[in-house]
PDB file of N, CA and C in Angstrom:
ATOM      1  N   MET A   1       0.834  -1.180   0.000  1.00  0.00           N
ATOM      2  CA  MET A   1       0.000   0.000   0.000  1.00  0.00           C
ATOM      3  C   MET A   1       0.887   1.254   0.000  1.00  0.00           C
ATOM      4  N   PRO A   2       0.541   2.227  -0.755  1.00  0.00           N
ATOM      5  CA  PRO A   2       1.290   3.486  -0.705  1.00  0.00           C
ATOM      6  C   PRO A   2       1.166   4.118   0.679  1.00  0.00           C
ATOM      7  N   GLU A   3       2.134   4.916   1.025  1.00  0.00           N
ATOM      8  CA  GLU A   3       2.199   5.492   2.366  1.00  0.00           C
ATOM      9  C   GLU A   3       0.947   6.289   2.711  1.00  0.00           C
ATOM     10  N   GLY A   4       0.387   7.011   1.776  1.00  0.00           N
ATOM     11  CA  GLY A   4      -0.777   7.847   2.061  1.00  0.00           C
ATOM     12  C   GLY A   4      -2.055   7.061   2.302  1.00  0.00           C
ATOM     13  N   THR A   5      -2.093   5.776   1.915  1.00  0.00           N
ATOM     14  CA  THR A   5      -3.318   5.003   2.078  1.00  0.00           C
ATOM     15  C   THR A   5      -3.242   4.009   3.229  1.00  0.00           C
ATOM     16  N   ARG A   6      -2.196   4.048   4.022  1.00  0.00           N
ATOM     17  CA  ARG A   6      -2.103   3.151   5.174  1.00  0.00           C
ATOM     18  C   ARG A   6      -2.981   3.659   6.309  1.00  0.00           C
ATOM     19  N   TRP A   7      -3.466   2.710   7.098  1.00  0.00           N
ATOM     20  CA  TRP A   7      -4.323   3.057   8.224  1.00  0.00           C
ATOM     21  C   TRP A   7      -3.485   3.565   9.372  1.00  0.00           C
ATOM     22  N   ASP A   8      -3.869   4.689   9.927  1.00  0.00           N
ATOM     23  CA  ASP A   8      -3.229   5.260  11.112  1.00  0.00           C
ATOM     24  C   ASP A   8      -4.148   4.980  12.286  1.00  0.00           C
ATOM     25  N   PRO A   9      -3.783   4.040  13.185  1.00  0.00           N
ATOM     26  CA  PRO A   9      -4.699   3.603  14.243  1.00  0.00           C
ATOM     27  C   PRO A   9      -5.260   4.714  15.114  1.00  0.00           C
ATOM     28  N   GLY A  10      -4.524   5.783  15.365  1.00  0.00           N
ATOM     29  CA  GLY A  10      -5.036   6.833  16.230  1.00  0.00           C
ATOM     30  C   GLY A  10      -5.906   7.841  15.519  1.00  0.00           C
ATOM     31  N   ALA A  11      -5.841   7.866  14.197  1.00  0.00           N
ATOM     32  CA  ALA A  11      -6.520   8.914  13.455  1.00  0.00           C
ATOM     33  C   ALA A  11      -7.972   8.588  13.142  1.00  0.00           C
ATOM     34  N   THR A  12      -8.261   7.355  12.780  1.00  0.00           N
ATOM     35  CA  THR A  12      -9.611   6.996  12.347  1.00  0.00           C
ATOM     36  C   THR A  12      -9.911   5.552  12.736  1.00  0.00           C
ATOM     37  N   PRO A  13     -11.175   5.231  13.004  1.00  0.00           N
ATOM     38  CA  PRO A  13     -11.522   3.826  13.283  1.00  0.00           C
ATOM     39  C   PRO A  13     -11.285   2.961  12.038  1.00  0.00           C
ATOM     40  N   TYR A  14     -10.979   1.713  12.268  1.00  0.00           N
ATOM     41  CA  TYR A  14     -10.649   0.808  11.167  1.00  0.00           C
ATOM     42  C   TYR A  14     -11.781   0.652  10.150  1.00  0.00           C
ATOM     43  N   PRO A  15     -13.056   0.494  10.575  1.00  0.00           N
ATOM     44  CA  PRO A  15     -14.136   0.395   9.567  1.00  0.00           C
ATOM     45  C   PRO A  15     -14.225   1.639   8.674  1.00  0.00           C
ATOM     46  N   ASP A  16     -14.007   2.818   9.263  1.00  0.00           N
ATOM     47  CA  ASP A  16     -14.029   4.041   8.456  1.00  0.00           C
ATOM     48  C   ASP A  16     -12.891   4.038   7.443  1.00  0.00           C
ATOM     49  N   TYR A  17     -11.748   3.550   7.871  1.00  0.00           N
ATOM     50  CA  TYR A  17     -10.602   3.461   6.955  1.00  0.00           C
ATOM     51  C   TYR A  17     -10.939   2.523   5.794  1.00  0.00           C
ATOM     52  N   LEU A  18     -11.536   1.368   6.094  1.00  0.00           N
ATOM     53  CA  LEU A  18     -11.887   0.428   5.032  1.00  0.00           C
ATOM     54  C   LEU A  18     -12.888   1.037   4.050  1.00  0.00           C
ATOM     55  N   ARG A  19     -13.846   1.794   4.564  1.00  0.00           N
ATOM     56  CA  ARG A  19     -14.824   2.440   3.689  1.00  0.00           C
ATOM     57  C   ARG A  19     -14.187   3.502   2.805  1.00  0.00           C
ATOM     58  N   SER A  20     -13.080   4.091   3.251  1.00  0.00           N
ATOM     59  CA  SER A  20     -12.437   5.148   2.467  1.00  0.00           C
ATOM     60  C   SER A  20     -11.614   4.595   1.300  1.00  0.00           C
ATOM     61  N   LEU A  21     -11.363   3.295   1.273  1.00  0.00           N
ATOM     62  CA  LEU A  21     -10.560   2.702   0.213  1.00  0.00           C
ATOM     63  C   LEU A  21     -11.416   2.389  -1.015  1.00  0.00           C
ATOM     64  N   SER A  22     -10.779   2.415  -2.156  1.00  0.00           N
ATOM     65  CA  SER A  22     -11.456   1.980  -3.376  1.00  0.00           C
ATOM     66  C   SER A  22     -11.586   0.457  -3.311  1.00  0.00           C
ATOM     67  N   PRO A  23     -12.468  -0.145  -4.106  1.00  0.00           N
ATOM     68  CA  PRO A  23     -12.602  -1.611  -4.070  1.00  0.00           C
ATOM     69  C   PRO A  23     -11.294  -2.348  -4.342  1.00  0.00           C
ATOM     70  N   ALA A  24     -10.488  -1.847  -5.261  1.00  0.00           N
ATOM     71  CA  ALA A  24      -9.203  -2.499  -5.557  1.00  0.00           C
ATOM     72  C   ALA A  24      -8.252  -2.378  -4.371  1.00  0.00           C
ATOM     73  N   GLN A  25      -8.200  -1.178  -3.791  1.00  0.00           N
ATOM     74  CA  GLN A  25      -7.329  -0.977  -2.627  1.00  0.00           C
ATOM     75  C   GLN A  25      -7.794  -1.835  -1.456  1.00  0.00           C
ATOM     76  N   ARG A  26      -9.107  -1.922  -1.273  1.00  0.00           N
ATOM     77  CA  ARG A  26      -9.644  -2.700  -0.159  1.00  0.00           C
ATOM     78  C   ARG A  26      -9.313  -4.187  -0.313  1.00  0.00           C
ATOM     79  N   SER A  27      -9.498  -4.728  -1.511  1.00  0.00           N
ATOM     80  CA  SER A  27      -9.194  -6.147  -1.714  1.00  0.00           C
ATOM     81  C   SER A  27      -7.698  -6.410  -1.533  1.00  0.00           C
ATOM     82  N   GLU A  28      -6.854  -5.497  -1.997  1.00  0.00           N
ATOM     83  CA  GLU A  28      -5.405  -5.660  -1.808  1.00  0.00           C
ATOM     84  C   GLU A  28      -5.046  -5.572  -0.327  1.00  0.00           C
ATOM     85  N   HIS A  29      -5.640  -4.619   0.369  1.00  0.00           N
ATOM     86  CA  HIS A  29      -5.379  -4.460   1.807  1.00  0.00           C
ATOM     87  C   HIS A  29      -5.790  -5.722   2.570  1.00  0.00           C
ATOM     88  N   LEU A  30      -6.964  -6.251   2.270  1.00  0.00           N
ATOM     89  CA  LEU A  30      -7.441  -7.446   2.971  1.00  0.00           C
ATOM     90  C   LEU A  30      -6.608  -8.677   2.606  1.00  0.00           C
ATOM     91  N   ARG A  31      -6.131  -8.755   1.370  1.00  0.00           N
ATOM     92  CA  ARG A  31      -5.264  -9.863   0.970  1.00  0.00           C
ATOM     93  C   ARG A  31      -3.953  -9.825   1.754  1.00  0.00           C
ATOM     94  N   VAL A  32      -3.350  -8.645   1.822  1.00  0.00           N
ATOM     95  CA  VAL A  32      -2.093  -8.494   2.569  1.00  0.00           C
ATOM     96  C   VAL A  32      -2.323  -8.790   4.043  1.00  0.00           C
ATOM     97  N   ARG A  33      -3.452  -8.344   4.571  1.00  0.00           N
ATOM     98  CA  ARG A  33      -3.762  -8.586   5.986  1.00  0.00           C
ATOM     99  C   ARG A  33      -3.927 -10.079   6.272  1.00  0.00           C
ATOM    100  N   ARG A  34      -4.642 -10.799   5.386  1.00  0.00           N
ATOM    101  CA  ARG A  34      -4.788 -12.251   5.554  1.00  0.00           C
ATOM    102  C   ARG A  34      -3.433 -12.945   5.470  1.00  0.00           C
ATOM    103  N   GLU A  35      -2.603 -12.483   4.551  1.00  0.00           N
ATOM    104  CA  GLU A  35      -1.267 -13.067   4.395  1.00  0.00           C
ATOM    105  C   GLU A  35      -0.439 -12.882   5.663  1.00  0.00           C
ATOM    106  N   LYS A  36      -0.475 -11.684   6.230  1.00  0.00           N
ATOM    107  CA  LYS A  36       0.268 -11.417   7.463  1.00  0.00           C
ATOM    108  C   LYS A  36      -0.257 -12.266   8.621  1.00  0.00           C
ATOM    109  N   LYS A  37      -1.581 -12.383   8.724  1.00  0.00           N
ATOM    110  CA  LYS A  37      -2.167 -13.185   9.802  1.00  0.00           C
ATOM    111  C   LYS A  37      -1.805 -14.660   9.662  1.00  0.00           C
ATOM    112  N   SER A  38      -1.819 -15.184   8.424  1.00  0.00           N
ATOM    113  CA  SER A  38      -1.464 -16.589   8.234  1.00  0.00           C
ATOM    114  C   SER A  38       0.009 -16.819   8.542  1.00  0.00           C
ATOM    115  N   MET A  39       0.873 -15.865   8.195  1.00  0.00           N
ATOM    116  CA  MET A  39       2.302 -15.990   8.517  1.00  0.00           C
ATOM    117  C   MET A  39       2.505 -15.949  10.027  1.00  0.00           C
ATOM    118  N   LYS A  40       1.782 -15.087  10.704  1.00  0.00           N
ATOM    119  CA  LYS A  40       1.892 -15.002  12.155  1.00  0.00           C
ATOM    120  C   LYS A  40       1.439 -16.306  12.813  1.00  0.00           C
ATOM    121  N   ALA A  41       0.344 -16.896  12.304  1.00  0.00           N
ATOM    122  CA  ALA A  41      -0.155 -18.157  12.852  1.00  0.00           C
ATOM    123  C   ALA A  41       0.836 -19.291  12.585  1.00  0.00           C
ATOM    124  N   ALA A  42       1.435 -19.298  11.392  1.00  0.00           N
ATOM    125  CA  ALA A  42       2.422 -20.332  11.065  1.00  0.00           C
ATOM    126  C   ALA A  42       3.650 -20.213  11.969  1.00  0.00           C
ATOM    127  N   MET A  43       4.113 -19.002  12.221  1.00  0.00           N
ATOM    128  CA  MET A  43       5.278 -18.811  13.094  1.00  0.00           C
ATOM    129  C   MET A  43       4.949 -19.190  14.532  1.00  0.00           C
ATOM    130  N   ALA A  44       3.731 -18.924  14.968  1.00  0.00           N
ATOM    131  CA  ALA A  44       3.327 -19.330  16.319  1.00  0.00           C
ATOM    132  C   ALA A  44       3.298 -20.847  16.436  1.00  0.00           C
ATOM    133  N   ALA A  45       2.850 -21.528  15.390  1.00  0.00           N
ATOM    134  CA  ALA A  45       2.822 -22.990  15.406  1.00  0.00           C
ATOM    135  C   ALA A  45       4.236 -23.565  15.442  1.00  0.00           C
ATOM    136  N   VAL A  46       5.139 -22.995  14.662  1.00  0.00           N
ATOM    137  CA  VAL A  46       6.530 -23.460  14.657  1.00  0.00           C
ATOM    138  C   VAL A  46       7.165 -23.224  16.023  1.00  0.00           C
ATOM    139  N   THR A  47       6.924 -22.068  16.583  1.00  0.00           N
ATOM    140  CA  THR A  47       7.482 -21.750  17.900  1.00  0.00           C
ATOM    141  C   THR A  47       6.961 -22.719  18.952  1.00  0.00           C
ATOM    142  N   ALA A  48       5.668 -22.989  18.941  1.00  0.00           N
ATOM    143  CA  ALA A  48       5.088 -23.912  19.923  1.00  0.00           C
ATOM    144  C   ALA A  48       5.634 -25.320  19.750  1.00  0.00           C
ATOM    145  N   GLU A  49       5.852 -25.737  18.508  1.00  0.00           N
ATOM    146  CA  GLU A  49       6.323 -27.093  18.247  1.00  0.00           C
ATOM    147  C   GLU A  49       7.767 -27.305  18.701  1.00  0.00           C
ATOM    148  N   TYR A  50       8.612 -26.315  18.472  1.00  0.00           N
ATOM    149  CA  TYR A  50      10.039 -26.486  18.745  1.00  0.00           C
ATOM    150  C   TYR A  50      10.527 -25.781  20.012  1.00  0.00           C
ATOM    151  N   GLN A  51       9.646 -25.181  20.770  1.00  0.00           N
ATOM    152  CA  GLN A  51      10.055 -24.385  21.919  1.00  0.00           C
ATOM    153  C   GLN A  51      10.852 -25.195  22.936  1.00  0.00           C
ATOM    154  N   ALA A  52      10.393 -26.379  23.285  1.00  0.00           N
ATOM    155  CA  ALA A  52      11.103 -27.194  24.283  1.00  0.00           C
ATOM    156  C   ALA A  52      12.498 -27.559  23.791  1.00  0.00           C
ATOM    157  N   ARG A  53      12.614 -27.883  22.512  1.00  0.00           N
ATOM    158  CA  ARG A  53      13.927 -28.239  21.956  1.00  0.00           C
ATOM    159  C   ARG A  53      14.865 -27.038  21.974  1.00  0.00           C
ATOM    160  N   TRP A  54      14.361 -25.854  21.581  1.00  0.00           N
ATOM    161  CA  TRP A  54      15.205 -24.656  21.579  1.00  0.00           C
ATOM    162  C   TRP A  54      15.672 -24.314  22.982  1.00  0.00           C
ATOM    163  N   ILE A  55      14.794 -24.430  23.958  1.00  0.00           N
ATOM    164  CA  ILE A  55      15.174 -24.131  25.341  1.00  0.00           C
ATOM    165  C   ILE A  55      16.248 -25.105  25.805  1.00  0.00           C
ATOM    166  N   SER A  56      16.088 -26.374  25.468  1.00  0.00           N
ATOM    167  CA  SER A  56      17.075 -27.380  25.833  1.00  0.00           C
ATOM    168  C   SER A  56      18.428 -27.085  25.194  1.00  0.00           C
ATOM    169  N   GLU A  57      18.415 -26.725  23.916  1.00  0.00           N
ATOM    170  CA  GLU A  57      19.668 -26.417  23.221  1.00  0.00           C
ATOM    171  C   GLU A  57      20.329 -25.167  23.796  1.00  0.00           C
ATOM    172  N   LEU A  58      19.536 -24.161  24.152  1.00  0.00           N
ATOM    173  CA  LEU A  58      20.108 -22.965  24.775  1.00  0.00           C
ATOM    174  C   LEU A  58      20.733 -23.298  26.127  1.00  0.00           C
ATOM    175  N   HIS A  59      20.076 -24.157  26.890  1.00  0.00           N
ATOM    176  CA  HIS A  59      20.622 -24.588  28.174  1.00  0.00           C
ATOM    177  C   HIS A  59      21.953 -25.315  27.966  1.00  0.00           C
ATOM    178  N   ASN A  60      21.992 -26.221  26.977  1.00  0.00           N
ATOM    179  CA  ASN A  60      23.235 -26.949  26.700  1.00  0.00           C
ATOM    180  C   ASN A  60      24.351 -26.012  26.257  1.00  0.00           C
ATOM    181  N   ALA A  61      24.026 -25.033  25.421  1.00  0.00           N
ATOM    182  CA  ALA A  61      25.035 -24.083  24.962  1.00  0.00           C
ATOM    183  C   ALA A  61      25.558 -23.245  26.124  1.00  0.00           C
ATOM    184  N   ALA A  62      24.670 -22.805  27.010  1.00  0.00           N
ATOM    185  CA  ALA A  62      25.095 -22.022  28.168  1.00  0.00           C
ATOM    186  C   ALA A  62      25.987 -22.860  29.078  1.00  0.00           C
ATOM    187  N   TRP A  63      25.641 -24.129  29.250  1.00  0.00           N
ATOM    188  CA  TRP A  63      26.453 -25.011  30.090  1.00  0.00           C
ATOM    189  C   TRP A  63      27.855 -25.181  29.504  1.00  0.00           C
ATOM    190  N   LYS A  64      27.948 -25.369  28.187  1.00  0.00           N
ATOM    191  CA  LYS A  64      29.269 -25.505  27.554  1.00  0.00           C
ATOM    192  C   LYS A  64      30.078 -24.224  27.673  1.00  0.00           C
ATOM    193  N   GLN A  65      29.419 -23.079  27.568  1.00  0.00           N
ATOM    194  CA  GLN A  65      30.125 -21.806  27.732  1.00  0.00           C
ATOM    195  C   GLN A  65      30.650 -21.664  29.164  1.00  0.00           C
ATOM    196  N   LEU A  66      29.851 -22.081  30.152  1.00  0.00           N
ATOM    197  CA  LEU A  66      30.306 -22.012  31.544  1.00  0.00           C
ATOM    198  C   LEU A  66      31.500 -22.931  31.784  1.00  0.00           C
ATOM    199  N   ILE A  67      31.462 -24.135  31.219  1.00  0.00           N
ATOM    200  CA  ILE A  67      32.598 -25.051  31.355  1.00  0.00           C
ATOM    201  C   ILE A  67      33.840 -24.445  30.706  1.00  0.00           C
ATOM    202  N   ARG A  68      33.662 -23.855  29.539  1.00  0.00           N
ATOM    203  CA  ARG A  68      34.788 -23.215  28.849  1.00  0.00           C
ATOM    204  C   ARG A  68      35.342 -22.071  29.695  1.00  0.00           C
ATOM    205  N   ALA A  69      34.465 -21.258  30.269  1.00  0.00           N
ATOM    206  CA  ALA A  69      34.916 -20.140  31.099  1.00  0.00           C
ATOM    207  C   ALA A  69      35.666 -20.643  32.321  1.00  0.00           C
ATOM    208  N   ARG A  70      35.161 -21.711  32.938  1.00  0.00           N
ATOM    209  CA  ARG A  70      35.808 -22.256  34.134  1.00  0.00           C
ATOM    210  C   ARG A  70      37.152 -22.888  33.802  1.00  0.00           C
ATOM    211  N   ASP A  71      37.202 -23.710  32.751  1.00  0.00           N
ATOM    212  CA  ASP A  71      38.407 -24.472  32.443  1.00  0.00           C
ATOM    213  C   ASP A  71      39.519 -23.627  31.828  1.00  0.00           C
ATOM    214  N   THR A  72      39.164 -22.667  30.991  1.00  0.00           N
ATOM    215  CA  THR A  72      40.190 -21.892  30.293  1.00  0.00           C
ATOM    216  C   THR A  72      40.384 -20.504  30.875  1.00  0.00           C
ATOM    217  N   GLY A  73      39.498 -20.094  31.755  1.00  0.00           N
ATOM    218  CA  GLY A  73      39.592 -18.747  32.301  1.00  0.00           C
ATOM    219  C   GLY A  73      39.150 -17.696  31.297  1.00  0.00           C
ATOM    220  N   ASP A  74      38.383 -18.112  30.304  1.00  0.00           N
ATOM    221  CA  ASP A  74      37.922 -17.205  29.257  1.00  0.00           C
ATOM    222  C   ASP A  74      36.799 -16.328  29.801  1.00  0.00           C
ATOM    223  N   THR A  75      37.135 -15.081  30.085  1.00  0.00           N
ATOM    224  CA  THR A  75      36.129 -14.185  30.661  1.00  0.00           C
ATOM    225  C   THR A  75      35.043 -13.837  29.650  1.00  0.00           C
ATOM    226  N   ALA A  76      35.366 -13.811  28.369  1.00  0.00           N
ATOM    227  CA  ALA A  76      34.344 -13.512  27.362  1.00  0.00           C
ATOM    228  C   ALA A  76      33.255 -14.586  27.357  1.00  0.00           C
ATOM    229  N   ALA A  77      33.637 -15.835  27.572  1.00  0.00           N
ATOM    230  CA  ALA A  77      32.652 -16.916  27.632  1.00  0.00           C
ATOM    231  C   ALA A  77      31.756 -16.739  28.855  1.00  0.00           C
ATOM    232  N   PHE A  78      32.333 -16.374  29.984  1.00  0.00           N
ATOM    233  CA  PHE A  78      31.538 -16.164  31.188  1.00  0.00           C
ATOM    234  C   PHE A  78      30.593 -14.982  31.016  1.00  0.00           C
ATOM    235  N   VAL A  79      31.097 -13.893  30.432  1.00  0.00           N
ATOM    236  CA  VAL A  79      30.269 -12.709  30.213  1.00  0.00           C
ATOM    237  C   VAL A  79      29.110 -13.035  29.278  1.00  0.00           C
ATOM    238  N   ALA A  80      29.362 -13.850  28.246  1.00  0.00           N
ATOM    239  CA  ALA A  80      28.303 -14.232  27.316  1.00  0.00           C
ATOM    240  C   ALA A  80      27.179 -14.963  28.038  1.00  0.00           C
ATOM    241  N   VAL A  81      27.530 -15.877  28.906  1.00  0.00           N
ATOM    242  CA  VAL A  81      26.508 -16.617  29.657  1.00  0.00           C
ATOM    243  C   VAL A  81      25.821 -15.690  30.661  1.00  0.00           C
ATOM    244  N   TRP A  82      26.588 -14.896  31.353  1.00  0.00           N
ATOM    245  CA  TRP A  82      26.034 -13.994  32.361  1.00  0.00           C
ATOM    246  C   TRP A  82      25.018 -13.040  31.728  1.00  0.00           C
ATOM    247  N   ASP A  83      25.384 -12.455  30.595  1.00  0.00           N
ATOM    248  CA  ASP A  83      24.487 -11.503  29.935  1.00  0.00           C
ATOM    249  C   ASP A  83      23.184 -12.158  29.507  1.00  0.00           C
ATOM    250  N   ARG A  84      23.233 -13.404  29.094  1.00  0.00           N
ATOM    251  CA  ARG A  84      22.034 -14.052  28.582  1.00  0.00           C
ATOM    252  C   ARG A  84      21.198 -14.719  29.672  1.00  0.00           C
ATOM    253  N   ILE A  85      21.825 -15.186  30.739  1.00  0.00           N
ATOM    254  CA  ILE A  85      21.091 -15.858  31.809  1.00  0.00           C
ATOM    255  C   ILE A  85      20.657 -14.863  32.883  1.00  0.00           C
ATOM    256  N   VAL A  86      21.591 -14.123  33.426  1.00  0.00           N
ATOM    257  CA  VAL A  86      21.277 -13.174  34.491  1.00  0.00           C
ATOM    258  C   VAL A  86      20.723 -11.886  33.898  1.00  0.00           C
ATOM    259  N   GLY A  87      21.339 -11.424  32.814  1.00  0.00           N
ATOM    260  CA  GLY A  87      20.876 -10.217  32.134  1.00  0.00           C
ATOM    261  C   GLY A  87      21.696  -9.001  32.489  1.00  0.00           C
ATOM    262  N   ARG A  88      21.638  -8.058  31.601  1.00  0.00           N
ATOM    263  CA  ARG A  88      22.331  -6.782  31.811  1.00  0.00           C
ATOM    264  C   ARG A  88      21.384  -5.780  32.441  1.00  0.00           C
ATOM    265  N   PRO A  89      21.928  -4.813  33.176  1.00  0.00           N
ATOM    266  CA  PRO A  89      21.053  -3.750  33.678  1.00  0.00           C
ATOM    267  C   PRO A  89      20.571  -2.886  32.520  1.00  0.00           C
ATOM    268  N   GLN A  90      19.458  -2.201  32.701  1.00  0.00           N
ATOM    269  CA  GLN A  90      18.906  -1.357  31.646  1.00  0.00           C
ATOM    270  C   GLN A  90      19.857  -0.227  31.282  1.00  0.00           C
ATOM    271  N   ASP A  91      20.474   0.390  32.275  1.00  0.00           N
ATOM    272  CA  ASP A  91      21.386   1.516  32.047  1.00  0.00           C
ATOM    273  C   ASP A  91      22.764   1.099  32.534  1.00  0.00           C
ATOM    274  N   LEU A  92      23.679   0.843  31.617  1.00  0.00           N
ATOM    275  CA  LEU A  92      24.999   0.363  32.002  1.00  0.00           C
ATOM    276  C   LEU A  92      25.846   1.435  32.673  1.00  0.00           C
ATOM    277  N   SER A  93      25.486   2.702  32.525  1.00  0.00           N
ATOM    278  CA  SER A  93      26.283   3.759  33.132  1.00  0.00           C
ATOM    279  C   SER A  93      25.918   3.997  34.594  1.00  0.00           C
ATOM    280  N   SER A  94      24.803   3.462  35.047  1.00  0.00           N
ATOM    281  CA  SER A  94      24.346   3.697  36.409  1.00  0.00           C
ATOM    282  C   SER A  94      24.375   2.394  37.207  1.00  0.00           C
ATOM    283  N   VAL A  95      25.124   2.402  38.301  1.00  0.00           N
ATOM    284  CA  VAL A  95      25.204   1.219  39.152  1.00  0.00           C
ATOM    285  C   VAL A  95      23.900   1.018  39.901  1.00  0.00           C
ATOM    286  N   GLU A  96      23.175   2.088  40.194  1.00  0.00           N
ATOM    287  CA  GLU A  96      21.933   1.971  40.955  1.00  0.00           C
ATOM    288  C   GLU A  96      20.861   1.219  40.179  1.00  0.00           C
ATOM    289  N   SER A  97      20.921   1.237  38.842  1.00  0.00           N
ATOM    290  CA  SER A  97      19.888   0.570  38.063  1.00  0.00           C
ATOM    291  C   SER A  97      20.134  -0.932  37.935  1.00  0.00           C
ATOM    292  N   ALA A  98      21.318  -1.403  38.333  1.00  0.00           N
ATOM    293  CA  ALA A  98      21.635  -2.826  38.195  1.00  0.00           C
ATOM    294  C   ALA A  98      20.902  -3.641  39.258  1.00  0.00           C
ATOM    295  N   ARG A  99      20.482  -4.851  38.859  1.00  0.00           N
ATOM    296  CA  ARG A  99      19.868  -5.756  39.833  1.00  0.00           C
ATOM    297  C   ARG A  99      20.939  -6.239  40.797  1.00  0.00           C
ATOM    298  N   PRO A 100      20.573  -6.541  42.041  1.00  0.00           N
ATOM    299  CA  PRO A 100      21.579  -7.060  42.970  1.00  0.00           C
ATOM    300  C   PRO A 100      22.018  -8.459  42.553  1.00  0.00           C
ATOM    301  N   LEU A 101      23.228  -8.820  42.937  1.00  0.00           N
ATOM    302  CA  LEU A 101      23.731 -10.157  42.643  1.00  0.00           C
ATOM    303  C   LEU A 101      22.895 -11.192  43.385  1.00  0.00           C
ATOM    304  N   PRO A 102      22.778 -12.409  42.847  1.00  0.00           N
ATOM    305  CA  PRO A 102      21.942 -13.415  43.495  1.00  0.00           C
ATOM    306  C   PRO A 102      22.605 -14.070  44.701  1.00  0.00           C
ATOM    307  N   TRP A 103      23.704 -13.511  45.212  1.00  0.00           N
ATOM    308  CA  TRP A 103      24.342 -14.031  46.396  1.00  0.00           C
ATOM    309  C   TRP A 103      24.921 -12.855  47.172  1.00  0.00           C
ATOM    310  N   SER A 104      25.328 -13.121  48.412  1.00  0.00           N
ATOM    311  CA  SER A 104      25.953 -12.078  49.214  1.00  0.00           C
ATOM    312  C   SER A 104      27.350 -12.546  49.605  1.00  0.00           C
ATOM    313  N   ASP A 105      28.117 -11.666  50.224  1.00  0.00           N
ATOM    314  CA  ASP A 105      29.482 -12.023  50.642  1.00  0.00           C
ATOM    315  C   ASP A 105      29.464 -13.144  51.676  1.00  0.00           C
ATOM    316  N   ALA A 106      28.389 -13.262  52.439  1.00  0.00           N
ATOM    317  CA  ALA A 106      28.301 -14.305  53.452  1.00  0.00           C
ATOM    318  C   ALA A 106      28.193 -15.685  52.816  1.00  0.00           C
ATOM    319  N   ASP A 107      27.712 -15.758  51.583  1.00  0.00           N
ATOM    320  CA  ASP A 107      27.581 -17.046  50.902  1.00  0.00           C
ATOM    321  C   ASP A 107      28.912 -17.578  50.358  1.00  0.00           C
ATOM    322  N   ILE A 108      29.887 -16.711  50.237  1.00  0.00           N
ATOM    323  CA  ILE A 108      31.158 -17.105  49.612  1.00  0.00           C
ATOM    324  C   ILE A 108      32.057 -17.802  50.584  1.00  0.00           C
TER     325      ILE A 108
END
């Protein structure tokens, strides 16, 4: 659809937008919309089917990275796992925004 004929959700209700289109534009818009919805449904089905396997593979990859970090002293491997499992703070420049560590000095 050309930029001027796209629906702006805040500007007009969707039925009014559909009525403003010519029959050719409306059929093209609805075709594209059905195509997007079917693609979204297909991706949701693929995600649901393989989700357990992907989670398992991510767990295995994180475990191998931790072993590599421990055995070789590779800090980049440890940082990679830490960033993906524990997560980074939202603002890296501010220490106050960081989540507390999951342990205290008494645990060490």
